[in-house]
Amino acid sequence: MPYRHAPHLAWQLIGGEAVVIDLAGAKTLGLNPVASLIWSLLPELDEAAIAREMTKRFDVPLEAAKADVHDFLQTLGEQGLVVEA
């Protein structure tokens, strides 16, 4: 399922890590480098393409990358940080 960032969020990459600001709830969220990569690629790529990109940048098998991307996006969806595109 394709996702996009929720419309009530703003974000910025700082030192290779994403800082996400929930404009509706006035909360901030700092993402680690792997999560930041997934977050930053989300507007351009689908889950499978993000997983392939992860295998290029990190020492991770494709199937593990696919599972990690899927689980992370599901968690973000449950928290209202991403929505279906």
PDB file of N, CA and C in Angstrom:
ATOM      1  N   MET A   1       0.853  -1.171   0.000  1.00  0.00           N
ATOM      2  CA  MET A   1       0.000   0.000   0.000  1.00  0.00           C
ATOM      3  C   MET A   1       0.903   1.239   0.000  1.00  0.00           C
ATOM      4  N   PRO A   2       0.665   2.179  -0.882  1.00  0.00           N
ATOM      5  CA  PRO A   2       1.463   3.410  -0.881  1.00  0.00           C
ATOM      6  C   PRO A   2       1.035   4.354   0.247  1.00  0.00           C
ATOM      7  N   TYR A   3       2.019   4.983   0.841  1.00  0.00           N
ATOM      8  CA  TYR A   3       1.781   5.926   1.931  1.00  0.00           C
ATOM      9  C   TYR A   3       2.337   7.296   1.566  1.00  0.00           C
ATOM     10  N   ARG A   4       1.898   8.300   2.318  1.00  0.00           N
ATOM     11  CA  ARG A   4       2.474   9.641   2.245  1.00  0.00           C
ATOM     12  C   ARG A   4       2.459  10.214   3.652  1.00  0.00           C
ATOM     13  N   HIS A   5       3.230  11.261   3.847  1.00  0.00           N
ATOM     14  CA  HIS A   5       3.247  11.918   5.159  1.00  0.00           C
ATOM     15  C   HIS A   5       1.868  12.513   5.439  1.00  0.00           C
ATOM     16  N   ALA A   6       1.446  12.456   6.680  1.00  0.00           N
ATOM     17  CA  ALA A   6       0.173  13.066   7.065  1.00  0.00           C
ATOM     18  C   ALA A   6       0.266  14.577   6.837  1.00  0.00           C
ATOM     19  N   PRO A   7      -0.836  15.194   6.421  1.00  0.00           N
ATOM     20  CA  PRO A   7      -0.794  16.620   6.061  1.00  0.00           C
ATOM     21  C   PRO A   7      -0.540  17.576   7.224  1.00  0.00           C
ATOM     22  N   HIS A   8      -0.730  17.133   8.459  1.00  0.00           N
ATOM     23  CA  HIS A   8      -0.536  18.021   9.608  1.00  0.00           C
ATOM     24  C   HIS A   8       0.896  17.993  10.153  1.00  0.00           C
ATOM     25  N   LEU A   9       1.824  17.450   9.349  1.00  0.00           N
ATOM     26  CA  LEU A   9       3.210  17.326   9.787  1.00  0.00           C
ATOM     27  C   LEU A   9       4.140  18.213   8.976  1.00  0.00           C
ATOM     28  N   ALA A  10       5.193  18.650   9.617  1.00  0.00           N
ATOM     29  CA  ALA A  10       6.318  19.296   8.945  1.00  0.00           C
ATOM     30  C   ALA A  10       7.558  18.521   9.369  1.00  0.00           C
ATOM     31  N   TRP A  11       8.565  18.509   8.518  1.00  0.00           N
ATOM     32  CA  TRP A  11       9.776  17.787   8.895  1.00  0.00           C
ATOM     33  C   TRP A  11      10.992  18.393   8.227  1.00  0.00           C
ATOM     34  N   GLN A  12      12.146  18.084   8.820  1.00  0.00           N
ATOM     35  CA  GLN A  12      13.416  18.595   8.320  1.00  0.00           C
ATOM     36  C   GLN A  12      14.495  17.563   8.620  1.00  0.00           C
ATOM     37  N   LEU A  13      15.411  17.361   7.676  1.00  0.00           N
ATOM     38  CA  LEU A  13      16.583  16.536   7.936  1.00  0.00           C
ATOM     39  C   LEU A  13      17.647  17.413   8.582  1.00  0.00           C
ATOM     40  N   ILE A  14      18.146  16.964   9.722  1.00  0.00           N
ATOM     41  CA  ILE A  14      19.192  17.687  10.439  1.00  0.00           C
ATOM     42  C   ILE A  14      20.290  16.685  10.771  1.00  0.00           C
ATOM     43  N   GLY A  15      21.434  16.868  10.172  1.00  0.00           N
ATOM     44  CA  GLY A  15      22.538  15.943  10.423  1.00  0.00           C
ATOM     45  C   GLY A  15      22.222  14.525  10.020  1.00  0.00           C
ATOM     46  N   GLY A  16      21.436  14.347   8.964  1.00  0.00           N
ATOM     47  CA  GLY A  16      21.090  13.016   8.482  1.00  0.00           C
ATOM     48  C   GLY A  16      19.947  12.348   9.226  1.00  0.00           C
ATOM     49  N   GLU A  17      19.374  13.030  10.186  1.00  0.00           N
ATOM     50  CA  GLU A  17      18.247  12.472  10.931  1.00  0.00           C
ATOM     51  C   GLU A  17      17.039  13.387  10.792  1.00  0.00           C
ATOM     52  N   ALA A  18      15.873  12.777  10.634  1.00  0.00           N
ATOM     53  CA  ALA A  18      14.643  13.543  10.449  1.00  0.00           C
ATOM     54  C   ALA A  18      14.065  13.967  11.793  1.00  0.00           C
ATOM     55  N   VAL A  19      13.626  15.204  11.827  1.00  0.00           N
ATOM     56  CA  VAL A  19      12.860  15.722  12.956  1.00  0.00           C
ATOM     57  C   VAL A  19      11.473  16.030  12.405  1.00  0.00           C
ATOM     58  N   VAL A  20      10.464  15.366  12.962  1.00  0.00           N
ATOM     59  CA  VAL A  20       9.088  15.496  12.498  1.00  0.00           C
ATOM     60  C   VAL A  20       8.314  16.303  13.534  1.00  0.00           C
ATOM     61  N   ILE A  21       7.582  17.293  13.068  1.00  0.00           N
ATOM     62  CA  ILE A  21       6.799  18.150  13.961  1.00  0.00           C
ATOM     63  C   ILE A  21       5.327  17.963  13.641  1.00  0.00           C
ATOM     64  N   ASP A  22       4.564  17.575  14.646  1.00  0.00           N
ATOM     65  CA  ASP A  22       3.114  17.437  14.516  1.00  0.00           C
ATOM     66  C   ASP A  22       2.508  18.808  14.792  1.00  0.00           C
ATOM     67  N   LEU A  23       2.102  19.490  13.738  1.00  0.00           N
ATOM     68  CA  LEU A  23       1.575  20.847  13.878  1.00  0.00           C
ATOM     69  C   LEU A  23       0.239  20.878  14.606  1.00  0.00           C
ATOM     70  N   ALA A  24      -0.515  19.790  14.538  1.00  0.00           N
ATOM     71  CA  ALA A  24      -1.816  19.732  15.205  1.00  0.00           C
ATOM     72  C   ALA A  24      -1.663  19.492  16.704  1.00  0.00           C
ATOM     73  N   GLY A  25      -0.700  18.658  17.069  1.00  0.00           N
ATOM     74  CA  GLY A  25      -0.539  18.305  18.472  1.00  0.00           C
ATOM     75  C   GLY A  25       0.660  18.942  19.134  1.00  0.00           C
ATOM     76  N   ALA A  26       1.403  19.749  18.388  1.00  0.00           N
ATOM     77  CA  ALA A  26       2.589  20.441  18.906  1.00  0.00           C
ATOM     78  C   ALA A  26       3.589  19.473  19.529  1.00  0.00           C
ATOM     79  N   LYS A  27       3.783  18.306  18.896  1.00  0.00           N
ATOM     80  CA  LYS A  27       4.756  17.326  19.356  1.00  0.00           C
ATOM     81  C   LYS A  27       5.875  17.233  18.329  1.00  0.00           C
ATOM     82  N   THR A  28       7.051  16.817  18.785  1.00  0.00           N
ATOM     83  CA  THR A  28       8.152  16.555  17.868  1.00  0.00           C
ATOM     84  C   THR A  28       8.604  15.114  18.027  1.00  0.00           C
ATOM     85  N   LEU A  29       9.165  14.587  16.959  1.00  0.00           N
ATOM     86  CA  LEU A  29       9.636  13.210  16.940  1.00  0.00           C
ATOM     87  C   LEU A  29      10.966  13.190  16.218  1.00  0.00           C
ATOM     88  N   GLY A  30      11.984  12.638  16.845  1.00  0.00           N
ATOM     89  CA  GLY A  30      13.285  12.471  16.207  1.00  0.00           C
ATOM     90  C   GLY A  30      13.425  11.044  15.715  1.00  0.00           C
ATOM     91  N   LEU A  31      13.865  10.883  14.480  1.00  0.00           N
ATOM     92  CA  LEU A  31      14.007   9.556  13.888  1.00  0.00           C
ATOM     93  C   LEU A  31      15.480   9.186  13.765  1.00  0.00           C
ATOM     94  N   ASN A  32      15.790   7.915  13.999  1.00  0.00           N
ATOM     95  CA  ASN A  32      17.160   7.440  13.830  1.00  0.00           C
ATOM     96  C   ASN A  32      17.504   7.408  12.335  1.00  0.00           C
ATOM     97  N   PRO A  33      18.767   7.154  11.977  1.00  0.00           N
ATOM     98  CA  PRO A  33      19.147   7.210  10.564  1.00  0.00           C
ATOM     99  C   PRO A  33      18.361   6.273   9.642  1.00  0.00           C
ATOM    100  N   VAL A  34      18.063   5.061  10.080  1.00  0.00           N
ATOM    101  CA  VAL A  34      17.306   4.135   9.229  1.00  0.00           C
ATOM    102  C   VAL A  34      15.877   4.634   9.050  1.00  0.00           C
ATOM    103  N   ALA A  35      15.238   5.010  10.136  1.00  0.00           N
ATOM    104  CA  ALA A  35      13.877   5.540  10.057  1.00  0.00           C
ATOM    105  C   ALA A  35      13.846   6.825   9.240  1.00  0.00           C
ATOM    106  N   SER A  36      14.891   7.635   9.363  1.00  0.00           N
ATOM    107  CA  SER A  36      14.969   8.880   8.597  1.00  0.00           C
ATOM    108  C   SER A  36      15.056   8.611   7.105  1.00  0.00           C
ATOM    109  N   LEU A  37      15.789   7.572   6.731  1.00  0.00           N
ATOM    110  CA  LEU A  37      15.874   7.210   5.313  1.00  0.00           C
ATOM    111  C   LEU A  37      14.500   6.816   4.791  1.00  0.00           C
ATOM    112  N   ILE A  38      13.808   5.952   5.519  1.00  0.00           N
ATOM    113  CA  ILE A  38      12.462   5.533   5.105  1.00  0.00           C
ATOM    114  C   ILE A  38      11.562   6.755   4.991  1.00  0.00           C
ATOM    115  N   TRP A  39      11.576   7.605   5.994  1.00  0.00           N
ATOM    116  CA  TRP A  39      10.733   8.800   6.021  1.00  0.00           C
ATOM    117  C   TRP A  39      11.024   9.709   4.826  1.00  0.00           C
ATOM    118  N   SER A  40      12.305   9.940   4.552  1.00  0.00           N
ATOM    119  CA  SER A  40      12.669  10.882   3.493  1.00  0.00           C
ATOM    120  C   SER A  40      12.374  10.341   2.100  1.00  0.00           C
ATOM    121  N   LEU A  41      12.379   9.019   1.934  1.00  0.00           N
ATOM    122  CA  LEU A  41      12.091   8.423   0.626  1.00  0.00           C
ATOM    123  C   LEU A  41      10.600   8.231   0.380  1.00  0.00           C
ATOM    124  N   LEU A  42       9.812   8.321   1.418  1.00  0.00           N
ATOM    125  CA  LEU A  42       8.378   8.041   1.316  1.00  0.00           C
ATOM    126  C   LEU A  42       7.655   8.842   0.236  1.00  0.00           C
ATOM    127  N   PRO A  43       7.943  10.127   0.052  1.00  0.00           N
ATOM    128  CA  PRO A  43       7.207  10.861  -0.989  1.00  0.00           C
ATOM    129  C   PRO A  43       7.524  10.392  -2.413  1.00  0.00           C
ATOM    130  N   GLU A  44       8.689   9.750  -2.595  1.00  0.00           N
ATOM    131  CA  GLU A  44       9.140   9.393  -3.933  1.00  0.00           C
ATOM    132  C   GLU A  44       8.951   7.927  -4.288  1.00  0.00           C
ATOM    133  N   LEU A  45       9.048   7.041  -3.299  1.00  0.00           N
ATOM    134  CA  LEU A  45       9.126   5.610  -3.570  1.00  0.00           C
ATOM    135  C   LEU A  45       8.066   4.824  -2.812  1.00  0.00           C
ATOM    136  N   ASP A  46       7.743   3.645  -3.346  1.00  0.00           N
ATOM    137  CA  ASP A  46       6.834   2.752  -2.629  1.00  0.00           C
ATOM    138  C   ASP A  46       7.646   1.877  -1.661  1.00  0.00           C
ATOM    139  N   GLU A  47       6.944   1.041  -0.903  1.00  0.00           N
ATOM    140  CA  GLU A  47       7.599   0.206   0.111  1.00  0.00           C
ATOM    141  C   GLU A  47       8.724  -0.636  -0.463  1.00  0.00           C
ATOM    142  N   ALA A  48       8.461  -1.311  -1.581  1.00  0.00           N
ATOM    143  CA  ALA A  48       9.456  -2.212  -2.168  1.00  0.00           C
ATOM    144  C   ALA A  48      10.705  -1.451  -2.599  1.00  0.00           C
ATOM    145  N   ALA A  49      10.520  -0.291  -3.199  1.00  0.00           N
ATOM    146  CA  ALA A  49      11.667   0.504  -3.649  1.00  0.00           C
ATOM    147  C   ALA A  49      12.458   1.051  -2.462  1.00  0.00           C
ATOM    148  N   ILE A  50      11.767   1.422  -1.399  1.00  0.00           N
ATOM    149  CA  ILE A  50      12.463   1.880  -0.190  1.00  0.00           C
ATOM    150  C   ILE A  50      13.297   0.737   0.381  1.00  0.00           C
ATOM    151  N   ALA A  51      12.738  -0.464   0.417  1.00  0.00           N
ATOM    152  CA  ALA A  51      13.476  -1.628   0.921  1.00  0.00           C
ATOM    153  C   ALA A  51      14.716  -1.893   0.071  1.00  0.00           C
ATOM    154  N   ARG A  52      14.585  -1.783  -1.237  1.00  0.00           N
ATOM    155  CA  ARG A  52      15.750  -1.980  -2.113  1.00  0.00           C
ATOM    156  C   ARG A  52      16.825  -0.926  -1.832  1.00  0.00           C
ATOM    157  N   GLU A  53      16.403   0.299  -1.612  1.00  0.00           N
ATOM    158  CA  GLU A  53      17.360   1.365  -1.291  1.00  0.00           C
ATOM    159  C   GLU A  53      18.060   1.083   0.037  1.00  0.00           C
ATOM    160  N   MET A  54      17.332   0.532   1.001  1.00  0.00           N
ATOM    161  CA  MET A  54      17.938   0.187   2.292  1.00  0.00           C
ATOM    162  C   MET A  54      19.045  -0.844   2.122  1.00  0.00           C
ATOM    163  N   THR A  55      18.845  -1.819   1.221  1.00  0.00           N
ATOM    164  CA  THR A  55      19.879  -2.842   1.014  1.00  0.00           C
ATOM    165  C   THR A  55      21.136  -2.245   0.402  1.00  0.00           C
ATOM    166  N   LYS A  56      20.991  -1.150  -0.323  1.00  0.00           N
ATOM    167  CA  LYS A  56      22.161  -0.481  -0.909  1.00  0.00           C
ATOM    168  C   LYS A  56      22.947   0.299   0.139  1.00  0.00           C
ATOM    169  N   ARG A  57      22.253   0.821   1.138  1.00  0.00           N
ATOM    170  CA  ARG A  57      22.906   1.698   2.119  1.00  0.00           C
ATOM    171  C   ARG A  57      23.286   0.998   3.420  1.00  0.00           C
ATOM    172  N   PHE A  58      22.609  -0.101   3.718  1.00  0.00           N
ATOM    173  CA  PHE A  58      22.856  -0.817   4.963  1.00  0.00           C
ATOM    174  C   PHE A  58      23.070  -2.292   4.647  1.00  0.00           C
ATOM    175  N   ASP A  59      23.771  -2.979   5.506  1.00  0.00           N
ATOM    176  CA  ASP A  59      24.033  -4.405   5.325  1.00  0.00           C
ATOM    177  C   ASP A  59      22.829  -5.194   5.829  1.00  0.00           C
ATOM    178  N   VAL A  60      21.797  -5.270   4.990  1.00  0.00           N
ATOM    179  CA  VAL A  60      20.553  -5.943   5.369  1.00  0.00           C
ATOM    180  C   VAL A  60      20.010  -6.696   4.157  1.00  0.00           C
ATOM    181  N   PRO A  61      19.562  -7.946   4.351  1.00  0.00           N
ATOM    182  CA  PRO A  61      18.959  -8.696   3.239  1.00  0.00           C
ATOM    183  C   PRO A  61      17.639  -8.052   2.805  1.00  0.00           C
ATOM    184  N   LEU A  62      17.288  -8.236   1.543  1.00  0.00           N
ATOM    185  CA  LEU A  62      16.090  -7.609   0.995  1.00  0.00           C
ATOM    186  C   LEU A  62      14.833  -7.997   1.766  1.00  0.00           C
ATOM    187  N   GLU A  63      14.661  -9.266   2.084  1.00  0.00           N
ATOM    188  CA  GLU A  63      13.439  -9.689   2.780  1.00  0.00           C
ATOM    189  C   GLU A  63      13.332  -9.036   4.160  1.00  0.00           C
ATOM    190  N   ALA A  64      14.450  -8.909   4.846  1.00  0.00           N
ATOM    191  CA  ALA A  64      14.435  -8.241   6.152  1.00  0.00           C
ATOM    192  C   ALA A  64      14.113  -6.758   5.988  1.00  0.00           C
ATOM    193  N   ALA A  65      14.679  -6.133   4.959  1.00  0.00           N
ATOM    194  CA  ALA A  65      14.396  -4.719   4.701  1.00  0.00           C
ATOM    195  C   ALA A  65      12.921  -4.519   4.387  1.00  0.00           C
ATOM    196  N   LYS A  66      12.347  -5.407   3.577  1.00  0.00           N
ATOM    197  CA  LYS A  66      10.917  -5.303   3.249  1.00  0.00           C
ATOM    198  C   LYS A  66      10.067  -5.382   4.513  1.00  0.00           C
ATOM    199  N   ALA A  67      10.384  -6.334   5.385  1.00  0.00           N
ATOM    200  CA  ALA A  67       9.618  -6.502   6.627  1.00  0.00           C
ATOM    201  C   ALA A  67       9.776  -5.279   7.529  1.00  0.00           C
ATOM    202  N   ASP A  68      10.999  -4.765   7.639  1.00  0.00           N
ATOM    203  CA  ASP A  68      11.244  -3.595   8.489  1.00  0.00           C
ATOM    204  C   ASP A  68      10.499  -2.367   7.978  1.00  0.00           C
ATOM    205  N   VAL A  69      10.551  -2.140   6.668  1.00  0.00           N
ATOM    206  CA  VAL A  69       9.855  -0.987   6.086  1.00  0.00           C
ATOM    207  C   VAL A  69       8.357  -1.116   6.311  1.00  0.00           C
ATOM    208  N   HIS A  70       7.821  -2.295   6.047  1.00  0.00           N
ATOM    209  CA  HIS A  70       6.382  -2.519   6.216  1.00  0.00           C
ATOM    210  C   HIS A  70       5.959  -2.276   7.666  1.00  0.00           C
ATOM    211  N   ASP A  71       6.694  -2.866   8.606  1.00  0.00           N
ATOM    212  CA  ASP A  71       6.349  -2.719  10.023  1.00  0.00           C
ATOM    213  C   ASP A  71       6.442  -1.261  10.472  1.00  0.00           C
ATOM    214  N   PHE A  72       7.490  -0.566  10.029  1.00  0.00           N
ATOM    215  CA  PHE A  72       7.663   0.836  10.407  1.00  0.00           C
ATOM    216  C   PHE A  72       6.523   1.690   9.863  1.00  0.00           C
ATOM    217  N   LEU A  73       6.154   1.480   8.605  1.00  0.00           N
ATOM    218  CA  LEU A  73       5.069   2.263   8.016  1.00  0.00           C
ATOM    219  C   LEU A  73       3.731   1.949   8.676  1.00  0.00           C
ATOM    220  N   GLN A  74       3.525   0.697   9.057  1.00  0.00           N
ATOM    221  CA  GLN A  74       2.289   0.358   9.775  1.00  0.00           C
ATOM    222  C   GLN A  74       2.238   1.074  11.122  1.00  0.00           C
ATOM    223  N   THR A  75       3.361   1.092  11.827  1.00  0.00           N
ATOM    224  CA  THR A  75       3.419   1.786  13.114  1.00  0.00           C
ATOM    225  C   THR A  75       3.146   3.276  12.941  1.00  0.00           C
ATOM    226  N   LEU A  76       3.764   3.880  11.921  1.00  0.00           N
ATOM    227  CA  LEU A  76       3.511   5.298  11.656  1.00  0.00           C
ATOM    228  C   LEU A  76       2.044   5.538  11.322  1.00  0.00           C
ATOM    229  N   GLY A  77       1.444   4.618  10.577  1.00  0.00           N
ATOM    230  CA  GLY A  77       0.026   4.742  10.241  1.00  0.00           C
ATOM    231  C   GLY A  77      -0.853   4.680  11.475  1.00  0.00           C
ATOM    232  N   GLU A  78      -0.536   3.765  12.387  1.00  0.00           N
ATOM    233  CA  GLU A  78      -1.302   3.644  13.624  1.00  0.00           C
ATOM    234  C   GLU A  78      -1.187   4.911  14.476  1.00  0.00           C
ATOM    235  N   GLN A  79      -0.067   5.611  14.355  1.00  0.00           N
ATOM    236  CA  GLN A  79       0.145   6.845  15.115  1.00  0.00           C
ATOM    237  C   GLN A  79      -0.349   8.082  14.370  1.00  0.00           C
ATOM    238  N   GLY A  80      -0.895   7.883  13.175  1.00  0.00           N
ATOM    239  CA  GLY A  80      -1.427   8.999  12.398  1.00  0.00           C
ATOM    240  C   GLY A  80      -0.373   9.856  11.722  1.00  0.00           C
ATOM    241  N   LEU A  81       0.839   9.317  11.570  1.00  0.00           N
ATOM    242  CA  LEU A  81       1.926  10.091  10.974  1.00  0.00           C
ATOM    243  C   LEU A  81       2.044   9.895   9.466  1.00  0.00           C
ATOM    244  N   VAL A  82       1.504   8.801   8.962  1.00  0.00           N
ATOM    245  CA  VAL A  82       1.403   8.593   7.520  1.00  0.00           C
ATOM    246  C   VAL A  82      -0.027   8.194   7.201  1.00  0.00           C
ATOM    247  N   VAL A  83      -0.420   8.465   5.972  1.00  0.00           N
ATOM    248  CA  VAL A  83      -1.757   8.104   5.501  1.00  0.00           C
ATOM    249  C   VAL A  83      -1.613   7.428   4.146  1.00  0.00           C
ATOM    250  N   GLU A  84      -2.655   6.718   3.736  1.00  0.00           N
ATOM    251  CA  GLU A  84      -2.623   6.096   2.417  1.00  0.00           C
ATOM    252  C   GLU A  84      -2.548   7.167   1.347  1.00  0.00           C
ATOM    253  N   ALA A  85      -1.728   6.905   0.347  1.00  0.00           N
ATOM    254  CA  ALA A  85      -1.574   7.875  -0.754  1.00  0.00           C
ATOM    255  C   ALA A  85      -2.730   7.763  -1.724  1.00  0.00           C
TER     256      ALA A  85
END
